[in-house]
C-alpha atoms as a PDB file:
ATOM      1  CA  MET A   1     -10.142 -16.718 -25.688  1.00  0.00           C
ATOM      2  CA  ARG A   2     -12.128 -19.198 -23.596  1.00  0.00           C
ATOM      3  CA  LYS A   3      -9.571 -21.945 -24.317  1.00  0.00           C
ATOM      4  CA  ASN A   4      -6.775 -19.735 -22.999  1.00  0.00           C
ATOM      5  CA  VAL A   5      -8.741 -18.955 -19.836  1.00  0.00           C
ATOM      6  CA  ALA A   6      -9.548 -22.636 -19.273  1.00  0.00           C
ATOM      7  CA  TRP A   7      -5.915 -23.617 -19.866  1.00  0.00           C
ATOM      8  CA  ALA A   8      -4.694 -20.917 -17.481  1.00  0.00           C
ATOM      9  CA  PHE A   9      -7.167 -22.033 -14.801  1.00  0.00           C
ATOM     10  CA  GLN A  10      -6.134 -25.681 -15.128  1.00  0.00           C
ATOM     11  CA  ASN A  11      -2.433 -24.844 -14.956  1.00  0.00           C
ATOM     12  CA  GLY A  12      -2.718 -22.458 -12.025  1.00  0.00           C
ATOM     13  CA  VAL A  13      -1.890 -19.378 -14.054  1.00  0.00           C
ATOM     14  CA  GLU A  14      -3.850 -16.222 -13.368  1.00  0.00           C
ATOM     15  CA  ALA A  15      -5.515 -14.957 -16.520  1.00  0.00           C
ATOM     16  CA  MET A  16      -5.693 -11.285 -17.326  1.00  0.00           C
ATOM     17  CA  PRO A  17      -9.222  -9.941 -17.053  1.00  0.00           C
ATOM     18  CA  ALA A  18     -10.781  -8.697 -20.271  1.00  0.00           C
ATOM     19  CA  TYR A  19     -12.010  -5.143 -20.699  1.00  0.00           C
ATOM     20  CA  ASN A  20     -15.721  -4.510 -20.444  1.00  0.00           C
ATOM     21  CA  SER A  21     -16.780  -3.220 -23.861  1.00  0.00           C
ATOM     22  CA  THR A  22     -20.416  -2.560 -22.964  1.00  0.00           C
ATOM     23  CA  PHE A  23     -21.623  -0.061 -20.414  1.00  0.00           C
ATOM     24  CA  GLU A  24     -25.119   0.436 -19.096  1.00  0.00           C
ATOM     25  CA  LEU A  25     -25.345   4.143 -18.406  1.00  0.00           C
ATOM     26  CA  SER A  26     -28.526   6.155 -18.437  1.00  0.00           C
ATOM     27  CA  VAL A  27     -28.915   9.584 -19.986  1.00  0.00           C
ATOM     28  CA  GLY A  28     -28.860  11.008 -16.451  1.00  0.00           C
ATOM     29  CA  ASP A  29     -25.570   9.222 -15.733  1.00  0.00           C
ATOM     30  CA  LEU A  30     -23.985  10.716 -18.846  1.00  0.00           C
ATOM     31  CA  ASP A  31     -25.336  14.147 -17.964  1.00  0.00           C
ATOM     32  CA  LEU A  32     -23.750  13.869 -14.513  1.00  0.00           C
ATOM     33  CA  ILE A  33     -20.429  12.792 -16.042  1.00  0.00           C
ATOM     34  CA  GLU A  34     -20.496  15.683 -18.528  1.00  0.00           C
ATOM     35  CA  THR A  35     -21.335  18.185 -15.788  1.00  0.00           C
ATOM     36  CA  ALA A  36     -18.485  16.925 -13.594  1.00  0.00           C
ATOM     37  CA  LEU A  37     -16.044  17.071 -16.516  1.00  0.00           C
ATOM     38  CA  ARG A  38     -17.100  20.629 -17.386  1.00  0.00           C
ATOM     39  CA  GLN A  39     -16.715  21.718 -13.758  1.00  0.00           C
ATOM     40  CA  THR A  40     -13.279  20.115 -13.496  1.00  0.00           C
ATOM     41  CA  LYS A  41     -12.255  21.721 -16.795  1.00  0.00           C
ATOM     42  CA  ALA A  42     -13.397  25.143 -15.565  1.00  0.00           C
ATOM     43  CA  GLU A  43     -11.515  24.768 -12.274  1.00  0.00           C
ATOM     44  CA  LEU A  44      -8.298  23.634 -13.984  1.00  0.00           C
ATOM     45  CA  SER A  45      -8.564  26.472 -16.493  1.00  0.00           C
ATOM     46  CA  ALA A  46      -9.029  29.014 -13.691  1.00  0.00           C
ATOM     47  CA  GLN A  47      -6.006  27.617 -11.845  1.00  0.00           C
ATOM     48  CA  ALA A  48      -3.914  27.753 -15.020  1.00  0.00           C
ATOM     49  CA  LEU A  49      -4.934  31.371 -15.643  1.00  0.00           C
ATOM     50  CA  ALA A  50      -4.132  32.340 -12.053  1.00  0.00           C
ATOM     51  CA  ALA A  51      -0.736  30.665 -12.276  1.00  0.00           C
ATOM     52  CA  ALA A  52      -0.039  32.394 -15.593  1.00  0.00           C
ATOM     53  CA  ALA A  53      -0.959  35.761 -14.093  1.00  0.00           C
ATOM     54  CA  GLN A  54       1.521  35.194 -11.256  1.00  0.00           C
ATOM     55  CA  ASP A  55       4.139  34.016 -13.742  1.00  0.00           C
ATOM     56  CA  ASP A  56       4.803  31.109 -11.379  1.00  0.00           C
ATOM     57  CA  ARG A  57       4.408  28.199 -13.751  1.00  0.00           C
ATOM     58  CA  THR A  58       6.902  25.390 -13.900  1.00  0.00           C
ATOM     59  CA  THR A  59       7.292  23.229 -16.969  1.00  0.00           C
ATOM     60  CA  ASP A  60       5.934  20.110 -15.215  1.00  0.00           C
ATOM     61  CA  SER A  61       2.828  21.826 -13.873  1.00  0.00           C
ATOM     62  CA  VAL A  62       2.125  23.392 -17.272  1.00  0.00           C
ATOM     63  CA  THR A  63       2.472  20.033 -19.008  1.00  0.00           C
ATOM     64  CA  ASN A  64       0.290  18.175 -16.478  1.00  0.00           C
ATOM     65  CA  ALA A  65      -2.473  20.789 -16.450  1.00  0.00           C
ATOM     66  CA  ASP A  66      -2.452  21.173 -20.236  1.00  0.00           C
ATOM     67  CA  ASP A  67      -2.533  17.406 -20.784  1.00  0.00           C
ATOM     68  CA  THR A  68      -5.416  16.979 -18.346  1.00  0.00           C
ATOM     69  CA  LEU A  69      -7.363  19.857 -19.905  1.00  0.00           C
ATOM     70  CA  ARG A  70      -6.764  18.449 -23.386  1.00  0.00           C
ATOM     71  CA  GLN A  71      -7.938  14.979 -22.326  1.00  0.00           C
ATOM     72  CA  ILE A  72     -11.094  16.389 -20.722  1.00  0.00           C
ATOM     73  CA  HIS A  73     -11.796  18.520 -23.797  1.00  0.00           C
ATOM     74  CA  ASP A  74     -11.328  15.529 -26.121  1.00  0.00           C
ATOM     75  CA  LEU A  75     -13.553  13.309 -23.956  1.00  0.00           C
ATOM     76  CA  LEU A  76     -16.311  15.918 -23.895  1.00  0.00           C
ATOM     77  CA  GLY A  77     -16.030  16.131 -27.682  1.00  0.00           C
ATOM     78  CA  ARG A  78     -16.329  12.358 -28.090  1.00  0.00           C
ATOM     79  CA  LEU A  79     -19.379  12.304 -25.807  1.00  0.00           C
ATOM     80  CA  HIS A  80     -20.972  15.110 -27.830  1.00  0.00           C
ATOM     81  CA  ASN A  81     -20.290  13.349 -31.132  1.00  0.00           C
ATOM     82  CA  GLN A  82     -22.068  10.195 -29.912  1.00  0.00           C
ATOM     83  CA  LYS A  83     -25.284  12.024 -29.098  1.00  0.00           C
ATOM     84  CA  VAL A  84     -28.263  11.689 -31.389  1.00  0.00           C
ATOM     85  CA  PHE A  85     -30.137  14.956 -31.833  1.00  0.00           C
ATOM     86  CA  TYR A  86     -33.782  14.763 -32.811  1.00  0.00           C
ATOM     87  CA  ARG A  87     -35.811  17.159 -34.925  1.00  0.00           C
ATOM     88  CA  PRO A  88     -39.590  17.211 -35.074  1.00  0.00           C
ATOM     89  CA  ARG A  89     -40.959  15.527 -38.209  1.00  0.00           C
ATOM     90  CA  HIS A  90     -43.786  17.996 -38.581  1.00  0.00           C
ATOM     91  CA  GLY A  91     -43.966  21.676 -37.840  1.00  0.00           C
ATOM     92  CA  ALA A  92     -41.393  24.372 -37.627  1.00  0.00           C
ATOM     93  CA  TYR A  93     -38.005  23.560 -36.120  1.00  0.00           C
ATOM     94  CA  ILE A  94     -36.573  26.325 -33.989  1.00  0.00           C
ATOM     95  CA  GLY A  95     -32.904  25.592 -33.392  1.00  0.00           C
ATOM     96  CA  GLY A  96     -31.057  26.902 -30.449  1.00  0.00           C
END
C-alpha cells in the first residue's frame, strides 16, 4: 500500500484515502449515539404510523422510511452485540 501511495505522489496522481479502521470512542460517546439513534427511530416510526393512518403513503416514501428504519434497527443491534455485560463473581446476581 505504501509503495502505491509513494508512486502516486511521485507521479502527481492523487491517491485515494484509506478508511479509518480504528475509532476512539468512549462509553459516553456510544451512549449518546445510541440515544440519538433510538430517538430518530422513534420519530420515523411515529411519522410512518401517522402517514399510514392518513392512507397518504407513496411507494418512494414508504421505501425510504422503511430502509432508514431497518438500517437504524440493524445498527442498534450491532452495537448491542458488541457490548460486554459483566456479572458479579461472588454473591447473588439479580438480572434485569
